[in-house]
Amino acid sequence: MAPCFRDEDPRADRHSCEFYQIDAELSFVEQEDIFAILESYYADAITALSPDKKIRTKKFPRLTYREAVDKYGSDKPDVRFDMHFEDFSSDFADSGFSVFKSAVD
């Protein structure tokens, strides 16, 4: 972890101070290798900063692109809430309410 400074012209929409970043140099790694390193790092950081917090799982939740779009309607879903799409087409197919029926047709 190292401090970094912006090497750009200061603008109103940017903060001109330093920030910290994690800089890892790795070779011949797969996506799962990066996830394993970051999952462990974040769990250790949370434990060090907030010892009273309980970490339920160290593994990040994973969704494929297709799962995210099908279940949440977005490729970047907010999974903090259990609000996902449900298909009610068969329930409304024979509805007498024209708005629902036309949406299914």
N, C-alpha and C. Protein backbone atom coordinates (compact mmCIF):
# COMPACT_ATOMS: atom_id res chain seq x y z
N MET A 1 0.87 -1.16 0.00
CA MET A 1 0.00 0.00 0.00
C MET A 1 0.91 1.22 0.00
N ALA A 2 0.60 2.16 -0.88
CA ALA A 2 1.47 3.32 -1.01
C ALA A 2 0.64 4.57 -1.30
N PRO A 3 1.14 5.73 -0.83
CA PRO A 3 0.45 6.98 -1.16
C PRO A 3 0.71 7.34 -2.62
N CYS A 4 -0.28 7.90 -3.27
CA CYS A 4 -0.15 8.33 -4.66
C CYS A 4 -0.66 9.76 -4.78
N PHE A 5 -0.15 10.47 -5.75
CA PHE A 5 -0.57 11.84 -5.99
C PHE A 5 -1.02 11.97 -7.43
N ARG A 6 -2.03 12.79 -7.66
CA ARG A 6 -2.50 13.02 -9.02
C ARG A 6 -1.47 13.87 -9.77
N ASP A 7 -1.10 13.41 -10.93
CA ASP A 7 -0.18 14.17 -11.77
C ASP A 7 -0.97 14.79 -12.91
N GLU A 8 -1.99 15.55 -12.55
CA GLU A 8 -2.87 16.18 -13.53
C GLU A 8 -3.19 17.59 -13.08
N ASP A 9 -3.74 18.36 -13.99
CA ASP A 9 -4.20 19.70 -13.62
C ASP A 9 -5.34 19.57 -12.64
N PRO A 10 -5.31 20.36 -11.58
CA PRO A 10 -6.44 20.29 -10.63
C PRO A 10 -7.71 20.86 -11.25
N ARG A 11 -8.81 20.16 -11.05
CA ARG A 11 -10.11 20.62 -11.53
C ARG A 11 -11.09 20.55 -10.38
N ALA A 12 -12.19 21.27 -10.53
CA ALA A 12 -13.18 21.32 -9.46
C ALA A 12 -13.81 19.96 -9.20
N ASP A 13 -13.87 19.10 -10.22
CA ASP A 13 -14.53 17.80 -10.03
C ASP A 13 -13.58 16.72 -9.52
N ARG A 14 -12.35 17.11 -9.19
CA ARG A 14 -11.39 16.14 -8.68
C ARG A 14 -10.79 16.62 -7.37
N HIS A 15 -10.48 15.68 -6.54
CA HIS A 15 -9.83 15.98 -5.28
C HIS A 15 -8.34 16.03 -5.55
N SER A 16 -7.67 17.05 -5.11
CA SER A 16 -6.27 17.23 -5.46
C SER A 16 -5.30 16.60 -4.48
N CYS A 17 -5.79 16.02 -3.41
CA CYS A 17 -4.89 15.43 -2.41
C CYS A 17 -4.39 14.06 -2.84
N GLU A 18 -3.59 13.52 -1.98
CA GLU A 18 -3.09 12.18 -2.22
C GLU A 18 -4.16 11.15 -1.90
N PHE A 19 -3.95 9.96 -2.39
CA PHE A 19 -4.80 8.83 -2.05
C PHE A 19 -3.89 7.62 -1.91
N TYR A 20 -4.40 6.56 -1.37
CA TYR A 20 -3.62 5.35 -1.19
C TYR A 20 -4.15 4.26 -2.09
N GLN A 21 -3.24 3.45 -2.60
CA GLN A 21 -3.66 2.36 -3.45
C GLN A 21 -2.83 1.12 -3.14
N ILE A 22 -3.41 0.00 -3.47
CA ILE A 22 -2.70 -1.27 -3.33
C ILE A 22 -2.08 -1.58 -4.68
N ASP A 23 -0.81 -1.78 -4.70
CA ASP A 23 -0.11 -2.04 -5.94
C ASP A 23 0.53 -3.43 -5.85
N ALA A 24 0.02 -4.37 -6.60
CA ALA A 24 0.53 -5.74 -6.55
C ALA A 24 1.19 -6.08 -7.88
N GLU A 25 2.35 -6.68 -7.79
CA GLU A 25 3.03 -7.14 -8.99
C GLU A 25 2.96 -8.66 -8.99
N LEU A 26 2.20 -9.20 -9.92
CA LEU A 26 1.98 -10.64 -9.98
C LEU A 26 2.20 -11.12 -11.41
N SER A 27 2.65 -12.34 -11.54
CA SER A 27 2.87 -12.91 -12.87
C SER A 27 2.12 -14.22 -13.01
N PHE A 28 1.64 -14.47 -14.20
CA PHE A 28 1.01 -15.74 -14.55
C PHE A 28 -0.13 -16.10 -13.59
N VAL A 29 -1.00 -15.16 -13.35
CA VAL A 29 -2.11 -15.40 -12.43
C VAL A 29 -3.43 -15.46 -13.19
N GLU A 30 -4.36 -16.13 -12.59
CA GLU A 30 -5.72 -16.22 -13.11
C GLU A 30 -6.61 -15.30 -12.29
N GLN A 31 -7.80 -15.07 -12.77
CA GLN A 31 -8.76 -14.22 -12.06
C GLN A 31 -8.99 -14.72 -10.64
N GLU A 32 -9.11 -16.02 -10.46
CA GLU A 32 -9.35 -16.58 -9.12
C GLU A 32 -8.20 -16.30 -8.17
N ASP A 33 -6.97 -16.23 -8.69
CA ASP A 33 -5.82 -15.89 -7.85
C ASP A 33 -5.95 -14.48 -7.29
N ILE A 34 -6.36 -13.55 -8.14
CA ILE A 34 -6.56 -12.16 -7.71
C ILE A 34 -7.68 -12.09 -6.67
N PHE A 35 -8.79 -12.78 -6.93
CA PHE A 35 -9.89 -12.79 -5.97
C PHE A 35 -9.42 -13.32 -4.61
N ALA A 36 -8.67 -14.41 -4.60
CA ALA A 36 -8.21 -15.01 -3.34
C ALA A 36 -7.34 -14.03 -2.55
N ILE A 37 -6.45 -13.33 -3.23
CA ILE A 37 -5.59 -12.35 -2.57
C ILE A 37 -6.42 -11.20 -2.00
N LEU A 38 -7.32 -10.65 -2.81
CA LEU A 38 -8.12 -9.52 -2.37
C LEU A 38 -9.11 -9.90 -1.27
N GLU A 39 -9.71 -11.07 -1.37
CA GLU A 39 -10.64 -11.52 -0.32
C GLU A 39 -9.93 -11.61 1.02
N SER A 40 -8.75 -12.18 1.01
CA SER A 40 -7.97 -12.30 2.24
C SER A 40 -7.56 -10.92 2.76
N TYR A 41 -7.12 -10.06 1.85
CA TYR A 41 -6.69 -8.71 2.24
C TYR A 41 -7.84 -7.93 2.88
N TYR A 42 -9.00 -7.93 2.23
CA TYR A 42 -10.15 -7.19 2.77
C TYR A 42 -10.61 -7.75 4.11
N ALA A 43 -10.62 -9.06 4.24
CA ALA A 43 -11.03 -9.67 5.52
C ALA A 43 -10.05 -9.27 6.62
N ASP A 44 -8.76 -9.30 6.34
CA ASP A 44 -7.76 -8.89 7.33
C ASP A 44 -7.88 -7.41 7.67
N ALA A 45 -8.12 -6.58 6.66
CA ALA A 45 -8.26 -5.13 6.89
C ALA A 45 -9.48 -4.83 7.75
N ILE A 46 -10.59 -5.48 7.46
CA ILE A 46 -11.81 -5.25 8.25
C ILE A 46 -11.61 -5.71 9.68
N THR A 47 -10.98 -6.85 9.86
CA THR A 47 -10.72 -7.36 11.21
C THR A 47 -9.80 -6.42 11.98
N ALA A 48 -8.78 -5.88 11.31
CA ALA A 48 -7.84 -4.96 11.98
C ALA A 48 -8.50 -3.63 12.31
N LEU A 49 -9.34 -3.12 11.42
CA LEU A 49 -9.96 -1.81 11.62
C LEU A 49 -11.19 -1.87 12.51
N SER A 50 -11.91 -2.96 12.46
CA SER A 50 -13.14 -3.11 13.26
C SER A 50 -13.20 -4.52 13.84
N PRO A 51 -12.47 -4.75 14.93
CA PRO A 51 -12.43 -6.10 15.49
C PRO A 51 -13.78 -6.64 15.94
N ASP A 52 -14.72 -5.75 16.22
CA ASP A 52 -16.04 -6.19 16.68
C ASP A 52 -16.94 -6.66 15.54
N LYS A 53 -16.57 -6.37 14.31
CA LYS A 53 -17.38 -6.80 13.16
C LYS A 53 -17.11 -8.27 12.84
N LYS A 54 -18.17 -8.98 12.57
CA LYS A 54 -18.06 -10.39 12.20
C LYS A 54 -18.13 -10.51 10.68
N ILE A 55 -17.21 -11.23 10.12
CA ILE A 55 -17.20 -11.46 8.67
C ILE A 55 -17.86 -12.81 8.43
N ARG A 56 -18.99 -12.78 7.73
CA ARG A 56 -19.74 -14.02 7.50
C ARG A 56 -19.00 -14.96 6.56
N THR A 57 -18.42 -14.41 5.54
CA THR A 57 -17.67 -15.23 4.59
C THR A 57 -16.57 -14.39 3.97
N LYS A 58 -15.45 -15.01 3.73
CA LYS A 58 -14.35 -14.27 3.11
C LYS A 58 -14.51 -14.21 1.59
N LYS A 59 -15.30 -15.11 1.03
CA LYS A 59 -15.42 -15.17 -0.42
C LYS A 59 -16.38 -14.10 -0.94
N PHE A 60 -15.97 -13.40 -1.99
CA PHE A 60 -16.84 -12.43 -2.64
C PHE A 60 -17.96 -13.19 -3.35
N PRO A 61 -19.17 -12.65 -3.33
CA PRO A 61 -20.22 -13.29 -4.13
C PRO A 61 -19.90 -13.15 -5.62
N ARG A 62 -20.16 -14.19 -6.36
CA ARG A 62 -19.84 -14.17 -7.79
C ARG A 62 -21.09 -14.45 -8.61
N LEU A 63 -21.28 -13.64 -9.62
CA LEU A 63 -22.37 -13.82 -10.59
C LEU A 63 -21.77 -13.70 -11.97
N THR A 64 -22.23 -14.52 -12.88
CA THR A 64 -21.83 -14.32 -14.26
C THR A 64 -22.61 -13.12 -14.79
N TYR A 65 -22.18 -12.61 -15.92
CA TYR A 65 -22.89 -11.49 -16.54
C TYR A 65 -24.35 -11.87 -16.79
N ARG A 66 -24.55 -13.06 -17.36
CA ARG A 66 -25.91 -13.51 -17.69
C ARG A 66 -26.76 -13.63 -16.43
N GLU A 67 -26.21 -14.19 -15.34
CA GLU A 67 -26.96 -14.31 -14.08
C GLU A 67 -27.36 -12.94 -13.55
N ALA A 68 -26.43 -11.98 -13.60
CA ALA A 68 -26.72 -10.64 -13.09
C ALA A 68 -27.83 -9.98 -13.88
N VAL A 69 -27.75 -10.05 -15.19
CA VAL A 69 -28.76 -9.41 -16.03
C VAL A 69 -30.11 -10.11 -15.90
N ASP A 70 -30.11 -11.43 -15.88
CA ASP A 70 -31.38 -12.16 -15.76
C ASP A 70 -32.03 -11.97 -14.40
N LYS A 71 -31.24 -11.96 -13.35
CA LYS A 71 -31.79 -11.91 -12.00
C LYS A 71 -32.07 -10.49 -11.52
N TYR A 72 -31.20 -9.53 -11.90
CA TYR A 72 -31.32 -8.17 -11.38
C TYR A 72 -31.59 -7.11 -12.45
N GLY A 73 -31.48 -7.49 -13.72
CA GLY A 73 -31.74 -6.53 -14.78
C GLY A 73 -30.61 -5.54 -15.00
N SER A 74 -29.42 -5.85 -14.48
CA SER A 74 -28.28 -4.95 -14.60
C SER A 74 -27.00 -5.77 -14.55
N ASP A 75 -25.96 -5.26 -15.23
CA ASP A 75 -24.67 -5.94 -15.16
C ASP A 75 -23.87 -5.51 -13.94
N LYS A 76 -24.40 -4.58 -13.16
CA LYS A 76 -23.77 -4.16 -11.91
C LYS A 76 -24.83 -4.04 -10.82
N PRO A 77 -25.39 -5.18 -10.42
CA PRO A 77 -26.52 -5.15 -9.48
C PRO A 77 -26.12 -4.73 -8.08
N ASP A 78 -27.07 -4.14 -7.38
CA ASP A 78 -26.90 -3.82 -5.97
C ASP A 78 -27.42 -5.02 -5.19
N VAL A 79 -26.52 -5.87 -4.76
CA VAL A 79 -26.92 -7.12 -4.13
C VAL A 79 -27.09 -6.99 -2.61
N ARG A 80 -27.05 -5.77 -2.11
CA ARG A 80 -27.28 -5.57 -0.67
C ARG A 80 -28.73 -5.89 -0.31
N PHE A 81 -29.60 -5.80 -1.29
CA PHE A 81 -31.02 -6.04 -1.07
C PHE A 81 -31.43 -7.25 -1.89
N ASP A 82 -32.29 -8.07 -1.35
CA ASP A 82 -32.72 -9.26 -2.06
C ASP A 82 -33.91 -8.92 -2.96
N MET A 83 -33.66 -8.00 -3.90
CA MET A 83 -34.70 -7.59 -4.83
C MET A 83 -34.28 -8.01 -6.23
N HIS A 84 -34.86 -9.06 -6.72
CA HIS A 84 -34.52 -9.52 -8.06
C HIS A 84 -35.79 -9.75 -8.86
N PHE A 85 -35.61 -9.92 -10.15
CA PHE A 85 -36.74 -10.10 -11.05
C PHE A 85 -37.42 -11.45 -10.81
N GLU A 86 -38.72 -11.44 -10.93
CA GLU A 86 -39.50 -12.67 -10.91
C GLU A 86 -40.39 -12.64 -12.15
N ASP A 87 -40.57 -13.78 -12.77
CA ASP A 87 -41.40 -13.87 -13.97
C ASP A 87 -42.82 -14.28 -13.58
N PHE A 88 -43.74 -13.34 -13.73
CA PHE A 88 -45.14 -13.59 -13.42
C PHE A 88 -45.99 -13.68 -14.69
N SER A 89 -45.36 -13.91 -15.82
CA SER A 89 -46.08 -13.96 -17.09
C SER A 89 -47.22 -14.97 -17.08
N SER A 90 -46.96 -16.16 -16.57
CA SER A 90 -48.01 -17.18 -16.57
C SER A 90 -49.16 -16.80 -15.65
N ASP A 91 -48.88 -16.06 -14.59
CA ASP A 91 -49.94 -15.63 -13.66
C ASP A 91 -50.86 -14.58 -14.29
N PHE A 92 -50.31 -13.76 -15.18
CA PHE A 92 -51.09 -12.68 -15.76
C PHE A 92 -51.54 -12.94 -17.20
N ALA A 93 -51.18 -14.09 -17.75
CA ALA A 93 -51.53 -14.39 -19.14
C ALA A 93 -53.04 -14.40 -19.36
N ASP A 94 -53.79 -14.89 -18.40
CA ASP A 94 -55.25 -14.97 -18.53
C ASP A 94 -55.95 -13.89 -17.71
N SER A 95 -55.24 -12.82 -17.42
CA SER A 95 -55.81 -11.75 -16.60
C SER A 95 -56.88 -10.98 -17.37
N GLY A 96 -57.89 -10.56 -16.66
CA GLY A 96 -58.93 -9.73 -17.27
C GLY A 96 -58.50 -8.26 -17.34
N PHE A 97 -57.40 -7.93 -16.67
CA PHE A 97 -56.90 -6.55 -16.67
C PHE A 97 -56.02 -6.36 -17.90
N SER A 98 -56.46 -5.53 -18.83
CA SER A 98 -55.81 -5.43 -20.14
C SER A 98 -54.35 -4.96 -20.07
N VAL A 99 -54.01 -4.16 -19.08
CA VAL A 99 -52.62 -3.69 -18.97
C VAL A 99 -51.68 -4.87 -18.73
N PHE A 100 -52.04 -5.76 -17.83
CA PHE A 100 -51.21 -6.93 -17.55
C PHE A 100 -51.20 -7.89 -18.73
N LYS A 101 -52.37 -8.13 -19.31
CA LYS A 101 -52.48 -9.07 -20.42
C LYS A 101 -51.66 -8.60 -21.62
N SER A 102 -51.73 -7.30 -21.94
CA SER A 102 -50.98 -6.79 -23.09
C SER A 102 -49.47 -6.81 -22.83
N ALA A 103 -49.05 -6.68 -21.59
CA ALA A 103 -47.62 -6.74 -21.28
C ALA A 103 -47.07 -8.14 -21.49
N VAL A 104 -47.89 -9.15 -21.27
CA VAL A 104 -47.47 -10.53 -21.44
C VAL A 104 -47.47 -10.92 -22.91
N ASP A 105 -48.43 -10.39 -23.67
CA ASP A 105 -48.54 -10.75 -25.10
C ASP A 105 -47.46 -10.18 -25.93
